[in-house]
N, C-alpha and C. Protein backbone atom coordinates (compact mmCIF):
# COMPACT_ATOMS: atom_id res chain seq x y z
N MET A 1 -87.81 31.74 68.38
CA MET A 1 -86.52 31.10 68.33
C MET A 1 -86.11 30.78 69.76
N THR A 2 -85.67 29.56 69.97
CA THR A 2 -85.22 29.17 71.30
C THR A 2 -83.76 29.55 71.47
N SER A 3 -83.27 29.50 72.72
CA SER A 3 -81.89 29.89 72.99
C SER A 3 -80.88 28.93 72.37
N SER A 4 -81.30 27.71 72.00
CA SER A 4 -80.36 26.75 71.40
C SER A 4 -80.25 26.91 69.89
N GLN A 5 -81.12 27.73 69.30
CA GLN A 5 -81.06 27.94 67.86
C GLN A 5 -80.32 29.23 67.55
N ALA A 6 -79.31 29.13 66.71
CA ALA A 6 -78.56 30.32 66.28
C ALA A 6 -79.28 30.95 65.10
N PRO A 7 -79.21 32.25 64.97
CA PRO A 7 -79.84 32.89 63.80
C PRO A 7 -79.12 32.44 62.52
N LYS A 8 -79.90 32.32 61.46
CA LYS A 8 -79.33 31.91 60.18
C LYS A 8 -78.63 33.10 59.55
N PRO A 9 -77.42 32.86 58.98
CA PRO A 9 -76.74 33.96 58.30
C PRO A 9 -77.49 34.33 57.03
N PRO A 10 -77.42 35.59 56.64
CA PRO A 10 -78.11 35.99 55.42
C PRO A 10 -77.47 35.32 54.21
N GLN A 11 -78.30 34.95 53.23
CA GLN A 11 -77.79 34.29 52.04
C GLN A 11 -77.32 35.35 51.06
N SER A 12 -76.15 35.10 50.49
CA SER A 12 -75.61 36.05 49.51
C SER A 12 -76.06 35.63 48.12
N ALA A 13 -75.94 36.54 47.19
CA ALA A 13 -76.31 36.27 45.80
C ALA A 13 -75.35 35.24 45.23
N PRO A 14 -75.81 34.41 44.28
CA PRO A 14 -74.92 33.42 43.68
C PRO A 14 -73.74 34.12 43.00
N GLN A 15 -72.57 33.53 43.15
CA GLN A 15 -71.39 34.15 42.58
C GLN A 15 -71.19 33.70 41.15
N GLN A 16 -70.72 34.63 40.32
CA GLN A 16 -70.40 34.34 38.93
C GLN A 16 -69.05 33.65 38.87
N PRO A 17 -68.81 32.85 37.82
CA PRO A 17 -67.48 32.25 37.67
C PRO A 17 -66.43 33.36 37.62
N PRO A 18 -65.32 33.17 38.33
CA PRO A 18 -64.33 34.24 38.38
C PRO A 18 -63.59 34.42 37.07
N GLN A 19 -63.23 35.63 36.77
CA GLN A 19 -62.32 35.92 35.68
C GLN A 19 -61.05 36.38 36.35
N THR A 20 -60.00 35.60 36.22
CA THR A 20 -58.77 35.86 36.92
C THR A 20 -57.82 36.63 36.03
N LEU A 21 -57.31 37.72 36.54
CA LEU A 21 -56.30 38.48 35.81
C LEU A 21 -54.97 38.24 36.50
N THR A 22 -54.07 37.59 35.80
CA THR A 22 -52.76 37.31 36.33
C THR A 22 -51.77 37.97 35.39
N GLY A 23 -51.23 39.10 35.77
CA GLY A 23 -50.36 39.83 34.86
C GLY A 23 -51.16 40.20 33.64
N ALA A 24 -50.71 39.74 32.49
CA ALA A 24 -51.38 40.07 31.23
C ALA A 24 -52.12 38.87 30.67
N VAL A 25 -52.56 37.96 31.52
CA VAL A 25 -53.26 36.76 31.06
C VAL A 25 -54.68 36.78 31.63
N THR A 26 -55.67 36.55 30.76
CA THR A 26 -57.06 36.50 31.18
C THR A 26 -57.54 35.06 31.04
N GLU A 27 -58.17 34.53 32.09
CA GLU A 27 -58.56 33.12 32.08
C GLU A 27 -59.88 32.92 32.81
N LYS A 28 -60.74 32.07 32.23
CA LYS A 28 -61.96 31.62 32.88
C LYS A 28 -62.12 30.14 32.56
N LYS A 29 -62.63 29.36 33.52
CA LYS A 29 -62.76 27.92 33.30
C LYS A 29 -64.23 27.50 33.30
N ILE A 30 -64.69 27.04 32.14
CA ILE A 30 -66.03 26.47 31.99
C ILE A 30 -65.97 25.56 30.77
N GLY A 31 -66.65 24.41 30.80
CA GLY A 31 -66.70 23.54 29.64
C GLY A 31 -65.52 22.59 29.56
N LYS A 32 -65.32 22.02 28.38
CA LYS A 32 -64.25 21.05 28.15
C LYS A 32 -62.89 21.72 28.17
N TYR A 33 -62.80 22.91 27.59
CA TYR A 33 -61.53 23.62 27.47
C TYR A 33 -61.54 24.92 28.26
N THR A 34 -60.37 25.28 28.75
CA THR A 34 -60.15 26.61 29.29
C THR A 34 -59.40 27.41 28.24
N VAL A 35 -59.91 28.56 27.91
CA VAL A 35 -59.28 29.42 26.93
C VAL A 35 -58.58 30.55 27.68
N THR A 36 -57.30 30.74 27.38
CA THR A 36 -56.51 31.78 28.01
C THR A 36 -55.94 32.69 26.94
N VAL A 37 -56.05 33.99 27.14
CA VAL A 37 -55.49 34.94 26.19
C VAL A 37 -54.24 35.55 26.79
N GLU A 38 -53.12 35.39 26.11
CA GLU A 38 -51.88 36.06 26.50
C GLU A 38 -51.88 37.40 25.79
N ARG A 39 -52.38 38.40 26.50
CA ARG A 39 -52.61 39.70 25.89
C ARG A 39 -51.34 40.36 25.38
N SER A 40 -50.20 40.04 25.95
CA SER A 40 -48.94 40.62 25.48
C SER A 40 -48.59 40.15 24.07
N LYS A 41 -49.17 39.03 23.64
CA LYS A 41 -48.92 38.50 22.30
C LYS A 41 -49.96 38.96 21.28
N CYS A 42 -51.07 39.49 21.75
CA CYS A 42 -52.19 39.85 20.88
C CYS A 42 -51.82 41.03 19.99
N ILE A 43 -52.10 40.90 18.66
CA ILE A 43 -51.85 41.99 17.72
C ILE A 43 -53.16 42.53 17.13
N SER A 44 -54.27 42.21 17.74
CA SER A 44 -55.60 42.71 17.36
C SER A 44 -56.06 42.25 15.98
N ALA A 45 -55.63 41.07 15.56
CA ALA A 45 -56.07 40.54 14.27
C ALA A 45 -57.57 40.24 14.30
N ALA A 46 -58.10 39.90 15.46
CA ALA A 46 -59.52 39.67 15.70
C ALA A 46 -60.08 38.44 15.00
N SER A 47 -59.23 37.51 14.56
CA SER A 47 -59.75 36.28 13.96
C SER A 47 -60.51 35.47 15.00
N CYS A 48 -60.08 35.54 16.25
CA CYS A 48 -60.79 34.82 17.32
C CYS A 48 -62.21 35.37 17.48
N VAL A 49 -62.35 36.67 17.38
CA VAL A 49 -63.66 37.31 17.51
C VAL A 49 -64.56 36.92 16.34
N ALA A 50 -63.98 36.86 15.14
CA ALA A 50 -64.75 36.50 13.96
C ALA A 50 -65.25 35.06 14.04
N ILE A 51 -64.44 34.15 14.60
CA ILE A 51 -64.81 32.74 14.66
C ILE A 51 -65.67 32.41 15.87
N ALA A 52 -65.36 32.98 17.01
CA ALA A 52 -66.11 32.68 18.25
C ALA A 52 -66.48 33.99 18.96
N PRO A 53 -67.41 34.74 18.39
CA PRO A 53 -67.77 36.05 18.94
C PRO A 53 -68.46 36.02 20.29
N LYS A 54 -68.95 34.86 20.68
CA LYS A 54 -69.58 34.75 21.99
C LYS A 54 -68.58 34.38 23.07
N VAL A 55 -67.33 34.14 22.68
CA VAL A 55 -66.26 33.79 23.62
C VAL A 55 -65.24 34.92 23.73
N PHE A 56 -64.91 35.54 22.60
CA PHE A 56 -63.87 36.58 22.57
C PHE A 56 -64.44 37.91 22.13
N GLU A 57 -63.79 38.97 22.59
CA GLU A 57 -64.06 40.31 22.10
C GLU A 57 -62.76 41.10 22.19
N LEU A 58 -62.71 42.20 21.46
CA LEU A 58 -61.60 43.12 21.62
C LEU A 58 -62.02 44.18 22.62
N ASP A 59 -61.14 44.49 23.55
CA ASP A 59 -61.46 45.47 24.58
C ASP A 59 -61.14 46.88 24.09
N GLU A 60 -61.19 47.84 25.00
CA GLU A 60 -60.95 49.23 24.65
C GLU A 60 -59.52 49.48 24.15
N GLU A 61 -58.61 48.56 24.41
CA GLU A 61 -57.24 48.65 23.90
C GLU A 61 -57.07 47.85 22.61
N ASN A 62 -58.17 47.32 22.09
CA ASN A 62 -58.18 46.44 20.92
C ASN A 62 -57.35 45.18 21.12
N LEU A 63 -57.38 44.66 22.33
CA LEU A 63 -56.73 43.39 22.65
C LEU A 63 -57.82 42.37 22.96
N ALA A 64 -57.58 41.14 22.55
CA ALA A 64 -58.57 40.08 22.78
C ALA A 64 -58.70 39.77 24.26
N ARG A 65 -59.93 39.46 24.65
CA ARG A 65 -60.19 38.98 26.00
C ARG A 65 -61.33 37.99 25.94
N VAL A 66 -61.37 37.12 26.96
CA VAL A 66 -62.42 36.11 27.07
C VAL A 66 -63.62 36.77 27.73
N ILE A 67 -64.78 36.61 27.11
CA ILE A 67 -66.01 37.15 27.71
C ILE A 67 -66.93 36.05 28.20
N SER A 68 -66.79 34.83 27.65
CA SER A 68 -67.62 33.72 28.09
C SER A 68 -67.03 32.42 27.56
N GLN A 69 -66.88 31.43 28.42
CA GLN A 69 -66.38 30.13 27.98
C GLN A 69 -67.49 29.30 27.34
N ASP A 70 -68.73 29.58 27.67
CA ASP A 70 -69.83 28.75 27.16
C ASP A 70 -70.62 29.43 26.06
N GLY A 71 -70.07 30.49 25.48
CA GLY A 71 -70.77 31.20 24.41
C GLY A 71 -70.78 30.46 23.09
N ASN A 72 -69.69 29.79 22.76
CA ASN A 72 -69.58 28.96 21.56
C ASN A 72 -69.12 27.57 22.02
N ASP A 73 -69.30 26.57 21.16
CA ASP A 73 -68.88 25.23 21.57
C ASP A 73 -67.36 25.12 21.61
N ASP A 74 -66.88 24.06 22.25
CA ASP A 74 -65.45 23.89 22.46
C ASP A 74 -64.66 23.80 21.16
N GLU A 75 -65.23 23.19 20.14
CA GLU A 75 -64.52 23.08 18.86
C GLU A 75 -64.34 24.45 18.22
N MET A 76 -65.32 25.34 18.38
CA MET A 76 -65.19 26.70 17.85
C MET A 76 -64.13 27.48 18.62
N LYS A 77 -64.06 27.24 19.93
CA LYS A 77 -63.01 27.90 20.73
C LYS A 77 -61.63 27.45 20.27
N LEU A 78 -61.49 26.14 20.01
CA LEU A 78 -60.21 25.62 19.54
C LEU A 78 -59.87 26.19 18.16
N LEU A 79 -60.84 26.23 17.27
CA LEU A 79 -60.61 26.78 15.93
C LEU A 79 -60.21 28.26 16.02
N ALA A 80 -60.87 28.99 16.90
CA ALA A 80 -60.53 30.41 17.08
C ALA A 80 -59.08 30.56 17.56
N ALA A 81 -58.67 29.71 18.49
CA ALA A 81 -57.30 29.76 18.99
C ALA A 81 -56.31 29.42 17.87
N GLN A 82 -56.64 28.42 17.07
CA GLN A 82 -55.76 28.02 15.98
C GLN A 82 -55.66 29.09 14.91
N SER A 83 -56.64 29.96 14.81
CA SER A 83 -56.62 31.03 13.81
C SER A 83 -55.75 32.22 14.22
N CYS A 84 -55.35 32.28 15.46
CA CYS A 84 -54.58 33.42 15.95
C CYS A 84 -53.17 33.41 15.34
N PRO A 85 -52.78 34.48 14.64
CA PRO A 85 -51.48 34.49 13.97
C PRO A 85 -50.28 34.52 14.91
N THR A 86 -50.48 34.89 16.15
CA THR A 86 -49.36 34.96 17.10
C THR A 86 -49.45 33.91 18.20
N ALA A 87 -50.39 32.98 18.10
CA ALA A 87 -50.61 31.95 19.11
C ALA A 87 -50.79 32.56 20.50
N ALA A 88 -51.57 33.64 20.56
CA ALA A 88 -51.83 34.33 21.82
C ALA A 88 -52.92 33.65 22.64
N ILE A 89 -53.60 32.68 22.05
CA ILE A 89 -54.70 31.99 22.74
C ILE A 89 -54.25 30.58 23.07
N ILE A 90 -54.28 30.26 24.35
CA ILE A 90 -53.90 28.93 24.81
C ILE A 90 -55.17 28.18 25.20
N VAL A 91 -55.27 26.95 24.73
CA VAL A 91 -56.41 26.09 25.03
C VAL A 91 -55.91 24.94 25.90
N THR A 92 -56.53 24.77 27.06
CA THR A 92 -56.15 23.71 27.99
C THR A 92 -57.34 22.80 28.23
N ASP A 93 -57.10 21.49 28.21
CA ASP A 93 -58.14 20.50 28.49
C ASP A 93 -58.39 20.51 30.00
N ASN A 94 -59.62 20.76 30.40
CA ASN A 94 -59.95 20.83 31.83
C ASN A 94 -59.86 19.50 32.55
N GLU A 95 -60.05 18.39 31.85
CA GLU A 95 -59.98 17.08 32.50
C GLU A 95 -58.55 16.65 32.76
N THR A 96 -57.68 16.84 31.77
CA THR A 96 -56.31 16.35 31.89
C THR A 96 -55.33 17.42 32.35
N GLY A 97 -55.69 18.68 32.16
CA GLY A 97 -54.79 19.77 32.49
C GLY A 97 -53.73 20.00 31.41
N GLU A 98 -53.80 19.24 30.33
CA GLU A 98 -52.82 19.36 29.25
C GLU A 98 -53.18 20.49 28.31
N GLN A 99 -52.14 21.15 27.81
CA GLN A 99 -52.32 22.21 26.81
C GLN A 99 -52.64 21.56 25.48
N VAL A 100 -53.77 21.95 24.89
CA VAL A 100 -54.22 21.42 23.61
C VAL A 100 -53.66 22.25 22.46
N TRP A 101 -53.61 23.56 22.66
CA TRP A 101 -53.12 24.49 21.63
C TRP A 101 -52.48 25.67 22.28
N PRO A 102 -51.39 26.23 21.75
CA PRO A 102 -50.58 25.67 20.67
C PRO A 102 -49.79 24.47 21.17
N PRO A 103 -49.32 23.64 20.25
CA PRO A 103 -48.57 22.45 20.65
C PRO A 103 -47.33 22.85 21.46
N VAL A 104 -47.04 22.05 22.47
CA VAL A 104 -45.85 22.32 23.29
C VAL A 104 -44.72 21.39 22.91
């Protein structure tokens, strides 16, 4: 290595998409829709888990959380959100930023 060449910094491992916890809201963005769970509204009905088990799961508190945005297709994510009896799942269109479900 010559004196004009700086050493290369070590490469870090690729980072996973972040899961952001903001208060009681869990959110991850991948695909056409972003699915957000308002955990304070969740009553553990688990209809979201039954419809889109690769996207939602119940945690140790039996509250829904997002485990993967790309586990099921976007239409299944929307259907799962629509099945929630308390409208605890919010679906946002990633292109427009508009809330798709529940209606505003």
